[in-house]
Amino acid sequence: RIRSAKLAQNYLVEFEEMFLDHQFGSASPANTPNPILNVNGTQLEVFFSPDDGTIERLIELVQDAQDEILFMAFSFTDDDLAQAILNRAREGVVVAGVLDKSQALSNAGGEYTNLMENGIAVRLAGTRHGMHHKVIIIDERIVVTGSYNFSSNARTRNDENTLIIHDPEMAEFYREEFARVWVITQKSQE
């Protein structure tokens, strides 16, 4: 739980754009009042897409990774993000990911095969209700989370939210979830 009036204000502004002003997708203005804030010593970055340039920030974070990139994604069709991940892997950054099986095998332009064929440790999670995470964990200290699928629809059409948390303790919680999902996918593929 995050207790922050400024963070709540960000979400209220976005809600009112949709609920009161009927501004959705590309018609939504880039007007997040507190895009970067500090909550009890933890830096947070807040993005609403498609208007705040979310994908550009995600690519920048990936490009800055030094040691490790872990990701869990319901849908992953964004070519630019996949290329940034592949570039970091070629430079020696450890990369591993889990994708939702139904999405990975049915999405036109999905990145599963591209990542796998280029040596990325990627697994498919096939659960009854779908593996619905949208997470990137970078260098055991940065967590990207929210509703933003790593897709062209999230980039250009859908109203999505992304929260970037700069906190090693939070990153460890997400790394534990990644490890849990990773083990489950290995067992289901044996």
C-alpha atoms as a PDB file:
ATOM      1  CA  ARG A   1       0.000   0.000   0.000  1.00  0.00           C
ATOM      2  CA  ILE A   2       1.279   3.453  -0.878  1.00  0.00           C
ATOM      3  CA  ARG A   3       0.004   6.368   1.196  1.00  0.00           C
ATOM      4  CA  SER A   4       0.481   9.541  -0.788  1.00  0.00           C
ATOM      5  CA  ALA A   5      -1.942  12.372  -1.475  1.00  0.00           C
ATOM      6  CA  LYS A   6       0.119  13.385  -4.520  1.00  0.00           C
ATOM      7  CA  LEU A   7      -0.032   9.876  -5.969  1.00  0.00           C
ATOM      8  CA  ALA A   8      -3.785   9.761  -5.341  1.00  0.00           C
ATOM      9  CA  GLN A   9      -4.101  13.150  -7.065  1.00  0.00           C
ATOM     10  CA  ASN A  10      -2.425  11.686 -10.184  1.00  0.00           C
ATOM     11  CA  TYR A  11      -4.968   8.883 -10.373  1.00  0.00           C
ATOM     12  CA  LEU A  12      -7.875  11.223  -9.613  1.00  0.00           C
ATOM     13  CA  VAL A  13      -6.903  13.530 -12.489  1.00  0.00           C
ATOM     14  CA  GLU A  14      -6.723  10.541 -14.854  1.00  0.00           C
ATOM     15  CA  PHE A  15     -10.048   9.180 -13.577  1.00  0.00           C
ATOM     16  CA  GLU A  16     -11.783  12.517 -14.047  1.00  0.00           C
ATOM     17  CA  GLU A  17     -10.445  12.799 -17.606  1.00  0.00           C
ATOM     18  CA  MET A  18     -12.257   9.590 -18.427  1.00  0.00           C
ATOM     19  CA  PHE A  19     -15.315   9.733 -16.163  1.00  0.00           C
ATOM     20  CA  LEU A  20     -16.184  13.429 -16.341  1.00  0.00           C
ATOM     21  CA  ASP A  21     -14.541  14.651 -19.554  1.00  0.00           C
ATOM     22  CA  HIS A  22     -14.855  11.457 -21.635  1.00  0.00           C
ATOM     23  CA  GLN A  23     -11.243  11.734 -22.795  1.00  0.00           C
ATOM     24  CA  PHE A  24      -9.824   8.337 -23.647  1.00  0.00           C
ATOM     25  CA  GLY A  25      -6.776   6.985 -25.445  1.00  0.00           C
ATOM     26  CA  SER A  26      -4.989   9.440 -27.679  1.00  0.00           C
ATOM     27  CA  ALA A  27      -7.579  12.134 -26.819  1.00  0.00           C
ATOM     28  CA  SER A  28      -6.354  12.120 -23.226  1.00  0.00           C
ATOM     29  CA  PRO A  29      -4.079  15.069 -22.363  1.00  0.00           C
ATOM     30  CA  ALA A  30      -0.601  14.643 -20.845  1.00  0.00           C
ATOM     31  CA  ASN A  31      -1.334  16.388 -17.570  1.00  0.00           C
ATOM     32  CA  THR A  32      -0.178  14.146 -14.728  1.00  0.00           C
ATOM     33  CA  PRO A  33       0.345  16.677 -11.910  1.00  0.00           C
ATOM     34  CA  ASN A  34       3.040  14.756 -10.003  1.00  0.00           C
ATOM     35  CA  PRO A  35       4.880  12.496 -12.476  1.00  0.00           C
ATOM     36  CA  ILE A  36       7.853  12.042 -10.132  1.00  0.00           C
ATOM     37  CA  LEU A  37       7.425  12.000  -6.392  1.00  0.00           C
ATOM     38  CA  ASN A  38       9.096  10.847  -3.226  1.00  0.00           C
ATOM     39  CA  VAL A  39       7.175   8.811  -0.673  1.00  0.00           C
ATOM     40  CA  ASN A  40       9.036   8.167   2.570  1.00  0.00           C
ATOM     41  CA  GLY A  41      12.381   8.163   0.772  1.00  0.00           C
ATOM     42  CA  THR A  42      11.245   6.051  -2.188  1.00  0.00           C
ATOM     43  CA  GLN A  43      11.174   7.623  -5.623  1.00  0.00           C
ATOM     44  CA  LEU A  44       8.076   6.860  -7.685  1.00  0.00           C
ATOM     45  CA  GLU A  45       7.419   7.674 -11.330  1.00  0.00           C
ATOM     46  CA  VAL A  46       3.841   7.702 -12.588  1.00  0.00           C
ATOM     47  CA  PHE A  47       2.810   7.326 -16.229  1.00  0.00           C
ATOM     48  CA  PHE A  48      -0.547   7.120 -17.931  1.00  0.00           C
ATOM     49  CA  SER A  49      -0.598   5.963 -21.512  1.00  0.00           C
ATOM     50  CA  PRO A  50      -0.835   6.635 -24.260  1.00  0.00           C
ATOM     51  CA  ASP A  51      -0.242  10.293 -23.348  1.00  0.00           C
ATOM     52  CA  ASP A  52       2.806  10.247 -21.015  1.00  0.00           C
ATOM     53  CA  GLY A  53       5.444   8.513 -23.153  1.00  0.00           C
ATOM     54  CA  THR A  54       5.501   5.320 -21.111  1.00  0.00           C
ATOM     55  CA  ILE A  55       7.343   3.147 -23.613  1.00  0.00           C
ATOM     56  CA  GLU A  56      10.162   5.648 -24.016  1.00  0.00           C
ATOM     57  CA  ARG A  57      10.786   5.560 -20.252  1.00  0.00           C
ATOM     58  CA  LEU A  58      10.619   1.744 -20.142  1.00  0.00           C
ATOM     59  CA  ILE A  59      13.168   1.484 -22.952  1.00  0.00           C
ATOM     60  CA  GLU A  60      15.426   3.979 -21.168  1.00  0.00           C
ATOM     61  CA  LEU A  61      15.289   1.942 -17.957  1.00  0.00           C
ATOM     62  CA  VAL A  62      16.039  -1.284 -19.825  1.00  0.00           C
ATOM     63  CA  GLN A  63      18.935   0.350 -21.681  1.00  0.00           C
ATOM     64  CA  ASP A  64      20.401   1.452 -18.324  1.00  0.00           C
ATOM     65  CA  ALA A  65      20.228  -2.059 -16.798  1.00  0.00           C
ATOM     66  CA  GLN A  66      23.628  -3.249 -15.640  1.00  0.00           C
ATOM     67  CA  ASP A  67      23.085  -6.725 -14.174  1.00  0.00           C
ATOM     68  CA  GLU A  68      19.610  -8.196 -14.522  1.00  0.00           C
ATOM     69  CA  ILE A  69      16.247  -7.769 -16.227  1.00  0.00           C
ATOM     70  CA  LEU A  70      13.364 -10.008 -15.163  1.00  0.00           C
ATOM     71  CA  PHE A  71       9.928  -9.614 -16.690  1.00  0.00           C
ATOM     72  CA  MET A  72       6.462 -11.118 -16.460  1.00  0.00           C
ATOM     73  CA  ALA A  73       4.016 -10.138 -19.170  1.00  0.00           C
ATOM     74  CA  PHE A  74       0.496 -10.991 -20.145  1.00  0.00           C
ATOM     75  CA  SER A  75       1.006  -9.543 -23.619  1.00  0.00           C
ATOM     76  CA  PHE A  76       4.358  -8.664 -25.180  1.00  0.00           C
ATOM     77  CA  THR A  77       4.231  -7.375 -28.754  1.00  0.00           C
ATOM     78  CA  ASP A  78       6.331  -4.194 -28.531  1.00  0.00           C
ATOM     79  CA  ASP A  79       9.258  -4.575 -30.952  1.00  0.00           C
ATOM     80  CA  ASP A  80      11.251  -1.651 -29.544  1.00  0.00           C
ATOM     81  CA  LEU A  81      11.110  -2.907 -25.961  1.00  0.00           C
ATOM     82  CA  ALA A  82      12.056  -6.414 -27.078  1.00  0.00           C
ATOM     83  CA  GLN A  83      15.012  -5.006 -29.037  1.00  0.00           C
ATOM     84  CA  ALA A  84      16.208  -3.032 -26.007  1.00  0.00           C
ATOM     85  CA  ILE A  85      16.064  -6.210 -23.903  1.00  0.00           C
ATOM     86  CA  LEU A  86      17.941  -8.190 -26.561  1.00  0.00           C
ATOM     87  CA  ASN A  87      20.604  -5.486 -26.784  1.00  0.00           C
ATOM     88  CA  ARG A  88      21.206  -5.582 -23.034  1.00  0.00           C
ATOM     89  CA  ALA A  89      21.376  -9.389 -23.078  1.00  0.00           C
ATOM     90  CA  ARG A  90      24.039  -9.218 -25.801  1.00  0.00           C
ATOM     91  CA  GLU A  91      26.017  -6.917 -23.498  1.00  0.00           C
ATOM     92  CA  GLY A  92      25.966  -9.513 -20.713  1.00  0.00           C
ATOM     93  CA  VAL A  93      22.916  -8.477 -18.696  1.00  0.00           C
ATOM     94  CA  VAL A  94      21.074 -11.545 -17.361  1.00  0.00           C
ATOM     95  CA  VAL A  95      17.555 -11.600 -18.806  1.00  0.00           C
ATOM     96  CA  ALA A  96      14.690 -13.957 -18.037  1.00  0.00           C
ATOM     97  CA  GLY A  97      10.965 -13.706 -18.580  1.00  0.00           C
ATOM     98  CA  VAL A  98       7.618 -15.389 -18.259  1.00  0.00           C
ATOM     99  CA  LEU A  99       4.815 -14.759 -20.747  1.00  0.00           C
ATOM    100  CA  ASP A 100       1.187 -15.799 -20.686  1.00  0.00           C
ATOM    101  CA  LYS A 101       0.962 -18.870 -22.904  1.00  0.00           C
ATOM    102  CA  SER A 102      -2.361 -18.095 -24.576  1.00  0.00           C
ATOM    103  CA  GLN A 103      -1.273 -14.557 -25.453  1.00  0.00           C
ATOM    104  CA  ALA A 104       2.242 -15.523 -26.524  1.00  0.00           C
ATOM    105  CA  LEU A 105       0.979 -18.167 -28.933  1.00  0.00           C
ATOM    106  CA  SER A 106      -1.961 -16.201 -30.352  1.00  0.00           C
ATOM    107  CA  ASN A 107      -0.869 -12.548 -30.565  1.00  0.00           C
ATOM    108  CA  ALA A 108       0.109 -11.359 -34.023  1.00  0.00           C
ATOM    109  CA  GLY A 109       3.585  -9.888 -33.702  1.00  0.00           C
ATOM    110  CA  GLY A 110       4.220 -11.467 -30.308  1.00  0.00           C
ATOM    111  CA  GLU A 111       7.814 -11.372 -29.056  1.00  0.00           C
ATOM    112  CA  TYR A 112       8.007 -14.883 -27.549  1.00  0.00           C
ATOM    113  CA  THR A 113       9.678 -16.557 -30.532  1.00  0.00           C
ATOM    114  CA  ASN A 114      11.966 -13.580 -31.140  1.00  0.00           C
ATOM    115  CA  LEU A 115      13.184 -13.576 -27.537  1.00  0.00           C
ATOM    116  CA  MET A 116      13.552 -17.353 -27.369  1.00  0.00           C
ATOM    117  CA  GLU A 117      15.401 -17.636 -30.697  1.00  0.00           C
ATOM    118  CA  ASN A 118      17.808 -14.928 -29.541  1.00  0.00           C
ATOM    119  CA  GLY A 119      18.807 -16.800 -26.416  1.00  0.00           C
ATOM    120  CA  ILE A 120      16.571 -15.209 -23.800  1.00  0.00           C
ATOM    121  CA  ALA A 121      15.435 -17.565 -21.027  1.00  0.00           C
ATOM    122  CA  VAL A 122      11.695 -17.220 -21.494  1.00  0.00           C
ATOM    123  CA  ARG A 123       8.930 -19.509 -20.322  1.00  0.00           C
ATOM    124  CA  LEU A 124       5.220 -19.730 -20.926  1.00  0.00           C
ATOM    125  CA  ALA A 125       2.716 -19.737 -18.087  1.00  0.00           C
ATOM    126  CA  GLY A 126      -0.435 -21.589 -18.969  1.00  0.00           C
ATOM    127  CA  THR A 127      -2.990 -21.165 -16.205  1.00  0.00           C
ATOM    128  CA  ARG A 128      -6.771 -21.397 -16.303  1.00  0.00           C
ATOM    129  CA  HIS A 129      -7.171 -17.698 -15.655  1.00  0.00           C
ATOM    130  CA  GLY A 130      -4.090 -16.390 -17.458  1.00  0.00           C
ATOM    131  CA  MET A 131      -0.817 -15.060 -16.124  1.00  0.00           C
ATOM    132  CA  HIS A 132      -1.787 -11.409 -15.984  1.00  0.00           C
ATOM    133  CA  HIS A 133       1.347  -9.753 -14.582  1.00  0.00           C
ATOM    134  CA  LYS A 134       2.854  -6.683 -16.255  1.00  0.00           C
ATOM    135  CA  VAL A 135       6.172  -6.333 -14.466  1.00  0.00           C
ATOM    136  CA  ILE A 136       9.813  -5.568 -15.172  1.00  0.00           C
ATOM    137  CA  ILE A 137      12.399  -5.836 -12.395  1.00  0.00           C
ATOM    138  CA  ILE A 138      15.725  -4.155 -13.118  1.00  0.00           C
ATOM    139  CA  ASP A 139      18.992  -4.639 -11.232  1.00  0.00           C
ATOM    140  CA  GLU A 140      17.237  -5.743  -8.039  1.00  0.00           C
ATOM    141  CA  ARG A 141      16.254  -2.135  -7.329  1.00  0.00           C
ATOM    142  CA  ILE A 142      13.651  -0.907  -9.837  1.00  0.00           C
ATOM    143  CA  VAL A 143      10.141  -2.281 -10.324  1.00  0.00           C
ATOM    144  CA  VAL A 144       7.884  -1.400 -13.240  1.00  0.00           C
ATOM    145  CA  THR A 145       4.284  -2.411 -12.560  1.00  0.00           C
ATOM    146  CA  GLY A 146       0.727  -1.428 -13.415  1.00  0.00           C
ATOM    147  CA  SER A 147      -1.793  -2.235 -16.119  1.00  0.00           C
ATOM    148  CA  TYR A 148       0.521  -1.480 -19.063  1.00  0.00           C
ATOM    149  CA  ASN A 149       0.948  -4.503 -21.335  1.00  0.00           C
ATOM    150  CA  PHE A 150       4.148  -4.398 -23.360  1.00  0.00           C
ATOM    151  CA  SER A 151       2.150  -3.940 -26.548  1.00  0.00           C
ATOM    152  CA  SER A 152       1.451  -1.498 -29.324  1.00  0.00           C
ATOM    153  CA  ASN A 153      -2.132  -1.117 -28.077  1.00  0.00           C
ATOM    154  CA  ALA A 154      -0.881  -0.014 -24.657  1.00  0.00           C
ATOM    155  CA  ARG A 155       1.551   2.335 -26.357  1.00  0.00           C
ATOM    156  CA  THR A 156      -0.952   4.029 -28.671  1.00  0.00           C
ATOM    157  CA  ARG A 157      -4.592   3.267 -27.794  1.00  0.00           C
ATOM    158  CA  ASN A 158      -5.363   1.849 -24.367  1.00  0.00           C
ATOM    159  CA  ASP A 159      -5.684   3.867 -21.184  1.00  0.00           C
ATOM    160  CA  GLU A 160      -3.064   2.258 -18.947  1.00  0.00           C
ATOM    161  CA  ASN A 161      -1.173   3.155 -15.796  1.00  0.00           C
ATOM    162  CA  THR A 162       2.443   2.458 -14.952  1.00  0.00           C
ATOM    163  CA  LEU A 163       4.175   2.900 -11.643  1.00  0.00           C
ATOM    164  CA  ILE A 164       7.975   2.771 -11.476  1.00  0.00           C
ATOM    165  CA  ILE A 165       9.231   2.121  -7.958  1.00  0.00           C
ATOM    166  CA  HIS A 166      12.893   2.736  -7.125  1.00  0.00           C
ATOM    167  CA  ASP A 167      13.294   0.556  -4.033  1.00  0.00           C
ATOM    168  CA  PRO A 168      15.426  -2.574  -3.477  1.00  0.00           C
ATOM    169  CA  GLU A 169      13.071  -3.932  -0.805  1.00  0.00           C
ATOM    170  CA  MET A 170      10.079  -3.699  -3.141  1.00  0.00           C
ATOM    171  CA  ALA A 171      12.153  -5.200  -5.950  1.00  0.00           C
ATOM    172  CA  GLU A 172      12.886  -8.182  -3.713  1.00  0.00           C
ATOM    173  CA  PHE A 173       9.149  -8.815  -3.208  1.00  0.00           C
ATOM    174  CA  TYR A 174       8.662  -8.810  -6.973  1.00  0.00           C
ATOM    175  CA  ARG A 175      11.733 -11.018  -7.496  1.00  0.00           C
ATOM    176  CA  GLU A 176      10.160 -13.545  -5.089  1.00  0.00           C
ATOM    177  CA  GLU A 177       6.981 -13.539  -7.179  1.00  0.00           C
ATOM    178  CA  PHE A 178       9.053 -13.943 -10.334  1.00  0.00           C
ATOM    179  CA  ALA A 179      10.845 -16.945  -8.772  1.00  0.00           C
ATOM    180  CA  ARG A 180       7.503 -18.494  -7.769  1.00  0.00           C
ATOM    181  CA  VAL A 181       6.057 -18.102 -11.265  1.00  0.00           C
ATOM    182  CA  TRP A 182       9.327 -19.304 -12.854  1.00  0.00           C
ATOM    183  CA  VAL A 183       9.260 -22.542 -10.834  1.00  0.00           C
ATOM    184  CA  ILE A 184       5.585 -23.153 -11.571  1.00  0.00           C
ATOM    185  CA  THR A 185       6.172 -22.750 -15.308  1.00  0.00           C
ATOM    186  CA  GLN A 186       9.106 -25.172 -15.193  1.00  0.00           C
ATOM    187  CA  LYS A 187       7.011 -27.791 -13.430  1.00  0.00           C
ATOM    188  CA  SER A 188       4.132 -27.380 -15.884  1.00  0.00           C
ATOM    189  CA  GLN A 189       6.490 -27.865 -18.851  1.00  0.00           C
ATOM    190  CA  GLU A 190       8.106 -31.061 -17.519  1.00  0.00           C
END
